[in-house]
N, C-alpha and C. Protein backbone atom coordinates (compact mmCIF):
# COMPACT_ATOMS: atom_id res chain seq x y z
N UNK A 1 36.44 -2.50 -8.65
CA UNK A 1 35.22 -2.11 -8.00
C UNK A 1 34.94 -3.03 -6.82
N UNK A 2 34.53 -2.45 -5.72
CA UNK A 2 34.23 -3.28 -4.57
C UNK A 2 32.86 -3.94 -4.76
N UNK A 3 32.63 -5.03 -4.03
CA UNK A 3 31.36 -5.74 -4.13
C UNK A 3 30.20 -4.85 -3.70
N UNK A 4 30.43 -3.99 -2.70
CA UNK A 4 29.37 -3.12 -2.20
C UNK A 4 28.93 -2.14 -3.29
N UNK A 5 29.85 -1.57 -4.06
CA UNK A 5 29.50 -0.63 -5.11
C UNK A 5 28.76 -1.35 -6.24
N UNK A 6 29.18 -2.57 -6.58
CA UNK A 6 28.52 -3.33 -7.63
C UNK A 6 27.08 -3.68 -7.26
N UNK A 7 26.81 -3.92 -6.00
CA UNK A 7 25.48 -4.31 -5.56
C UNK A 7 24.58 -3.12 -5.21
N UNK A 8 25.08 -1.91 -5.38
CA UNK A 8 24.30 -0.72 -5.04
C UNK A 8 23.22 -0.49 -6.09
N UNK A 9 22.00 -0.17 -5.65
CA UNK A 9 20.89 0.10 -6.54
C UNK A 9 20.59 1.58 -6.51
N UNK A 10 20.61 2.21 -7.67
CA UNK A 10 20.32 3.63 -7.78
C UNK A 10 18.86 3.80 -8.13
N UNK A 11 18.07 4.36 -7.22
CA UNK A 11 16.63 4.53 -7.43
C UNK A 11 16.33 6.00 -7.64
N UNK A 12 15.58 6.29 -8.71
CA UNK A 12 15.18 7.66 -9.02
C UNK A 12 13.68 7.78 -8.89
N UNK A 13 13.22 9.01 -8.60
CA UNK A 13 11.78 9.26 -8.49
C UNK A 13 11.46 10.56 -9.21
N UNK A 14 10.42 10.52 -10.03
CA UNK A 14 10.02 11.73 -10.76
C UNK A 14 9.32 12.68 -9.79
N UNK A 15 9.23 13.96 -10.18
CA UNK A 15 8.57 14.95 -9.33
C UNK A 15 7.10 14.58 -9.12
N UNK A 16 6.45 14.10 -10.16
CA UNK A 16 5.03 13.74 -10.06
C UNK A 16 4.82 12.61 -9.06
N UNK A 17 5.65 11.58 -9.12
CA UNK A 17 5.52 10.46 -8.19
C UNK A 17 5.91 10.90 -6.79
N UNK A 18 6.90 11.77 -6.67
CA UNK A 18 7.36 12.23 -5.36
C UNK A 18 6.28 13.00 -4.61
N UNK A 19 5.33 13.61 -5.33
CA UNK A 19 4.23 14.32 -4.68
C UNK A 19 3.34 13.36 -3.91
N UNK A 20 3.26 12.11 -4.35
CA UNK A 20 2.47 11.11 -3.64
C UNK A 20 0.99 11.23 -3.92
N UNK A 21 0.25 10.26 -3.42
CA UNK A 21 -1.21 10.22 -3.51
C UNK A 21 -1.74 9.95 -2.12
N UNK A 22 -2.75 10.69 -1.70
CA UNK A 22 -3.39 10.44 -0.42
C UNK A 22 -4.36 9.29 -0.57
N UNK A 23 -4.34 8.36 0.37
CA UNK A 23 -5.30 7.26 0.39
C UNK A 23 -5.69 6.97 1.83
N UNK A 24 -6.97 6.73 2.06
CA UNK A 24 -7.43 6.35 3.39
C UNK A 24 -8.18 5.02 3.36
N UNK A 25 -8.03 4.30 2.25
CA UNK A 25 -8.62 2.98 2.12
C UNK A 25 -7.74 2.16 1.19
N UNK A 26 -7.45 0.94 1.59
CA UNK A 26 -6.72 0.01 0.72
C UNK A 26 -7.59 -1.23 0.54
N UNK A 27 -7.77 -1.63 -0.70
CA UNK A 27 -8.53 -2.83 -1.01
C UNK A 27 -7.52 -3.85 -1.53
N UNK A 28 -7.45 -5.00 -0.87
CA UNK A 28 -6.44 -6.00 -1.22
C UNK A 28 -7.13 -7.26 -1.71
N UNK A 29 -6.74 -7.71 -2.90
CA UNK A 29 -7.21 -8.98 -3.45
C UNK A 29 -5.99 -9.79 -3.84
N UNK A 30 -6.20 -11.09 -4.04
CA UNK A 30 -5.06 -11.91 -4.42
C UNK A 30 -5.51 -13.12 -5.22
N UNK A 31 -4.58 -13.65 -5.99
CA UNK A 31 -4.74 -14.92 -6.69
C UNK A 31 -3.58 -15.79 -6.23
N UNK A 32 -3.41 -16.92 -6.86
CA UNK A 32 -2.29 -17.78 -6.47
C UNK A 32 -0.94 -17.17 -6.87
N UNK A 33 -0.94 -16.19 -7.77
CA UNK A 33 0.31 -15.66 -8.31
C UNK A 33 0.62 -14.22 -7.92
N UNK A 34 -0.39 -13.47 -7.44
CA UNK A 34 -0.13 -12.06 -7.17
C UNK A 34 -1.09 -11.50 -6.14
N UNK A 35 -0.64 -10.42 -5.50
CA UNK A 35 -1.47 -9.61 -4.62
C UNK A 35 -1.68 -8.28 -5.33
N UNK A 36 -2.91 -7.78 -5.29
CA UNK A 36 -3.23 -6.49 -5.89
C UNK A 36 -3.71 -5.58 -4.76
N UNK A 37 -3.06 -4.44 -4.62
CA UNK A 37 -3.42 -3.46 -3.59
C UNK A 37 -3.88 -2.20 -4.30
N UNK A 38 -5.16 -1.87 -4.14
CA UNK A 38 -5.72 -0.64 -4.70
C UNK A 38 -5.86 0.37 -3.58
N UNK A 39 -5.27 1.55 -3.79
CA UNK A 39 -5.33 2.63 -2.82
C UNK A 39 -6.39 3.64 -3.27
N UNK A 40 -7.32 3.95 -2.35
CA UNK A 40 -8.47 4.78 -2.66
C UNK A 40 -8.51 5.95 -1.68
N UNK A 41 -8.96 7.10 -2.17
CA UNK A 41 -9.20 8.26 -1.32
C UNK A 41 -10.71 8.45 -1.22
N UNK A 42 -11.27 8.14 -0.04
CA UNK A 42 -12.70 8.26 0.19
C UNK A 42 -12.95 9.54 0.97
N UNK A 43 -13.78 10.43 0.42
CA UNK A 43 -14.08 11.68 1.08
C UNK A 43 -15.48 11.63 1.67
N UNK A 44 -15.65 12.13 2.88
CA UNK A 44 -16.98 12.11 3.53
C UNK A 44 -18.01 12.82 2.66
N UNK A 45 -19.21 12.22 2.57
CA UNK A 45 -20.30 12.84 1.83
C UNK A 45 -20.22 12.65 0.33
N UNK A 46 -19.19 11.97 -0.13
CA UNK A 46 -19.03 11.74 -1.56
C UNK A 46 -19.41 10.29 -1.85
N UNK A 47 -20.41 10.07 -2.70
CA UNK A 47 -20.88 8.70 -2.92
C UNK A 47 -19.98 7.87 -3.82
N UNK A 48 -19.01 8.50 -4.48
CA UNK A 48 -18.18 7.77 -5.43
C UNK A 48 -16.71 8.12 -5.20
N UNK A 49 -15.86 7.12 -5.25
CA UNK A 49 -14.42 7.33 -5.10
C UNK A 49 -13.70 6.54 -6.17
N UNK A 50 -12.50 6.98 -6.51
CA UNK A 50 -11.71 6.30 -7.53
C UNK A 50 -10.43 5.75 -6.94
N UNK A 51 -9.96 4.66 -7.54
CA UNK A 51 -8.66 4.12 -7.17
C UNK A 51 -7.61 5.13 -7.61
N UNK A 52 -6.75 5.52 -6.69
CA UNK A 52 -5.69 6.49 -6.99
C UNK A 52 -4.42 5.81 -7.46
N UNK A 53 -4.20 4.58 -6.97
CA UNK A 53 -2.98 3.85 -7.33
C UNK A 53 -3.22 2.37 -7.14
N UNK A 54 -2.65 1.56 -8.03
CA UNK A 54 -2.73 0.09 -7.91
C UNK A 54 -1.31 -0.45 -7.93
N UNK A 55 -1.01 -1.27 -6.93
CA UNK A 55 0.29 -1.92 -6.84
C UNK A 55 0.07 -3.42 -6.93
N UNK A 56 0.81 -4.08 -7.80
CA UNK A 56 0.70 -5.53 -7.97
C UNK A 56 2.01 -6.15 -7.50
N UNK A 57 1.90 -7.12 -6.60
CA UNK A 57 3.07 -7.74 -5.96
C UNK A 57 3.02 -9.25 -6.09
N UNK A 58 4.19 -9.86 -6.13
CA UNK A 58 4.25 -11.31 -6.00
C UNK A 58 3.95 -11.65 -4.54
N UNK A 59 3.53 -12.87 -4.25
CA UNK A 59 3.30 -13.23 -2.84
C UNK A 59 4.54 -13.00 -1.97
N UNK A 60 5.72 -13.27 -2.50
CA UNK A 60 6.95 -13.07 -1.74
C UNK A 60 7.15 -11.58 -1.41
N UNK A 61 6.91 -10.71 -2.38
CA UNK A 61 7.07 -9.28 -2.13
C UNK A 61 5.97 -8.76 -1.21
N UNK A 62 4.77 -9.33 -1.29
CA UNK A 62 3.70 -8.92 -0.37
C UNK A 62 4.10 -9.23 1.07
N UNK A 63 4.70 -10.39 1.29
CA UNK A 63 5.13 -10.75 2.64
C UNK A 63 6.27 -9.85 3.10
N UNK A 64 7.19 -9.50 2.21
CA UNK A 64 8.27 -8.56 2.57
C UNK A 64 7.69 -7.20 2.94
N UNK A 65 6.67 -6.75 2.19
CA UNK A 65 6.03 -5.48 2.49
C UNK A 65 5.35 -5.53 3.86
N UNK A 66 4.65 -6.63 4.14
CA UNK A 66 4.02 -6.82 5.45
C UNK A 66 5.05 -6.70 6.57
N UNK A 67 6.18 -7.38 6.43
CA UNK A 67 7.22 -7.33 7.46
C UNK A 67 7.84 -5.94 7.57
N UNK A 68 8.07 -5.28 6.44
CA UNK A 68 8.65 -3.93 6.46
C UNK A 68 7.70 -2.94 7.10
N UNK A 69 6.40 -3.05 6.81
CA UNK A 69 5.42 -2.16 7.44
C UNK A 69 5.36 -2.40 8.95
N UNK A 70 5.35 -3.66 9.37
CA UNK A 70 5.31 -3.98 10.80
C UNK A 70 6.54 -3.41 11.50
N UNK A 71 7.70 -3.56 10.89
CA UNK A 71 8.94 -3.04 11.47
C UNK A 71 8.88 -1.52 11.60
N UNK A 72 8.38 -0.85 10.56
CA UNK A 72 8.32 0.60 10.60
C UNK A 72 7.25 1.11 11.57
N UNK A 73 6.12 0.42 11.68
CA UNK A 73 5.11 0.81 12.66
C UNK A 73 5.68 0.66 14.07
N UNK A 74 6.40 -0.43 14.33
CA UNK A 74 7.03 -0.61 15.64
C UNK A 74 8.01 0.51 15.94
N UNK A 75 8.84 0.89 14.98
CA UNK A 75 9.81 1.99 15.18
C UNK A 75 9.09 3.30 15.43
N UNK A 76 8.00 3.55 14.68
CA UNK A 76 7.22 4.77 14.86
C UNK A 76 6.64 4.82 16.27
N UNK A 77 6.04 3.69 16.71
CA UNK A 77 5.43 3.66 18.04
C UNK A 77 6.47 3.77 19.15
N UNK A 78 7.65 3.22 18.93
CA UNK A 78 8.73 3.38 19.91
C UNK A 78 9.09 4.86 20.08
N UNK A 79 9.06 5.60 18.98
CA UNK A 79 9.44 7.01 19.01
C UNK A 79 8.29 7.93 19.42
N UNK A 80 7.04 7.58 19.07
CA UNK A 80 5.93 8.51 19.23
C UNK A 80 4.77 7.98 20.06
N UNK A 81 4.86 6.77 20.55
CA UNK A 81 3.76 6.19 21.31
C UNK A 81 2.83 5.38 20.42
N UNK A 82 1.94 4.64 21.06
CA UNK A 82 1.05 3.76 20.32
C UNK A 82 0.13 4.52 19.38
N UNK A 83 -0.09 3.95 18.23
CA UNK A 83 -1.04 4.49 17.26
C UNK A 83 -2.42 4.03 17.70
N UNK A 84 -3.33 4.97 17.87
CA UNK A 84 -4.69 4.63 18.27
C UNK A 84 -5.42 4.06 17.06
N UNK A 85 -6.01 2.89 17.23
CA UNK A 85 -6.77 2.26 16.17
C UNK A 85 -8.24 2.56 16.39
N UNK A 86 -8.82 3.35 15.50
CA UNK A 86 -10.23 3.70 15.63
C UNK A 86 -11.09 2.46 15.38
N UNK A 87 -12.34 2.55 15.80
CA UNK A 87 -13.26 1.45 15.53
C UNK A 87 -13.30 1.18 14.04
N UNK A 88 -13.47 -0.09 13.71
CA UNK A 88 -13.55 -0.45 12.30
C UNK A 88 -14.79 0.19 11.70
N UNK A 89 -14.59 0.89 10.59
CA UNK A 89 -15.69 1.56 9.91
C UNK A 89 -16.11 0.69 8.74
N UNK A 90 -17.39 0.36 8.69
CA UNK A 90 -17.92 -0.43 7.59
C UNK A 90 -18.34 0.53 6.48
N UNK A 91 -17.67 0.44 5.35
CA UNK A 91 -17.99 1.30 4.23
C UNK A 91 -18.67 0.44 3.16
N UNK A 92 -19.95 0.69 2.90
CA UNK A 92 -20.59 -0.07 1.83
C UNK A 92 -20.10 0.46 0.50
N UNK A 93 -19.47 -0.38 -0.28
CA UNK A 93 -18.97 0.10 -1.56
C UNK A 93 -19.08 -0.97 -2.62
N UNK A 94 -19.16 -0.50 -3.85
CA UNK A 94 -19.10 -1.38 -4.99
C UNK A 94 -17.78 -1.09 -5.68
N UNK A 95 -17.06 -2.15 -5.96
CA UNK A 95 -15.74 -1.98 -6.55
C UNK A 95 -15.81 -2.41 -8.00
N UNK A 96 -15.76 -1.45 -8.91
CA UNK A 96 -15.84 -1.76 -10.33
C UNK A 96 -14.55 -2.37 -10.82
N UNK A 97 -14.66 -3.31 -11.72
CA UNK A 97 -13.49 -3.96 -12.28
C UNK A 97 -13.57 -5.44 -12.06
N UNK A 98 -12.67 -6.16 -12.69
CA UNK A 98 -12.73 -7.62 -12.60
C UNK A 98 -12.31 -8.11 -11.22
N UNK A 99 -12.93 -9.21 -10.78
CA UNK A 99 -12.55 -9.83 -9.53
C UNK A 99 -11.23 -10.56 -9.73
N UNK A 100 -10.44 -10.63 -8.68
CA UNK A 100 -9.15 -11.33 -8.77
C UNK A 100 -9.40 -12.80 -8.98
N UNK A 101 -8.67 -13.37 -9.92
CA UNK A 101 -8.78 -14.79 -10.15
C UNK A 101 -7.48 -15.31 -10.72
N UNK A 102 -7.31 -16.61 -10.66
CA UNK A 102 -6.09 -17.23 -11.14
C UNK A 102 -6.10 -17.37 -12.63
């Protein structure tokens, strides 16, 4: 077996996960050991929203994700032009659940 075949990672995705979840808000908290990213779908005129997905990362993986996102945004903008950043919208919200702590 070649080294390339031995190091190959086979990743599978279920149909349910492949459908994805829409999110237009990400809430990020962290402790000394992990980053927690909660993805939320906030709909206009709806006073309550639920977390659709929570991803927990080590600090090292959070930094890799940051770099991968930056790289992909740059590639997207090279192909399609600059992404317009709308004014920051202040959303008053209460986030139920425990606060991140060490």
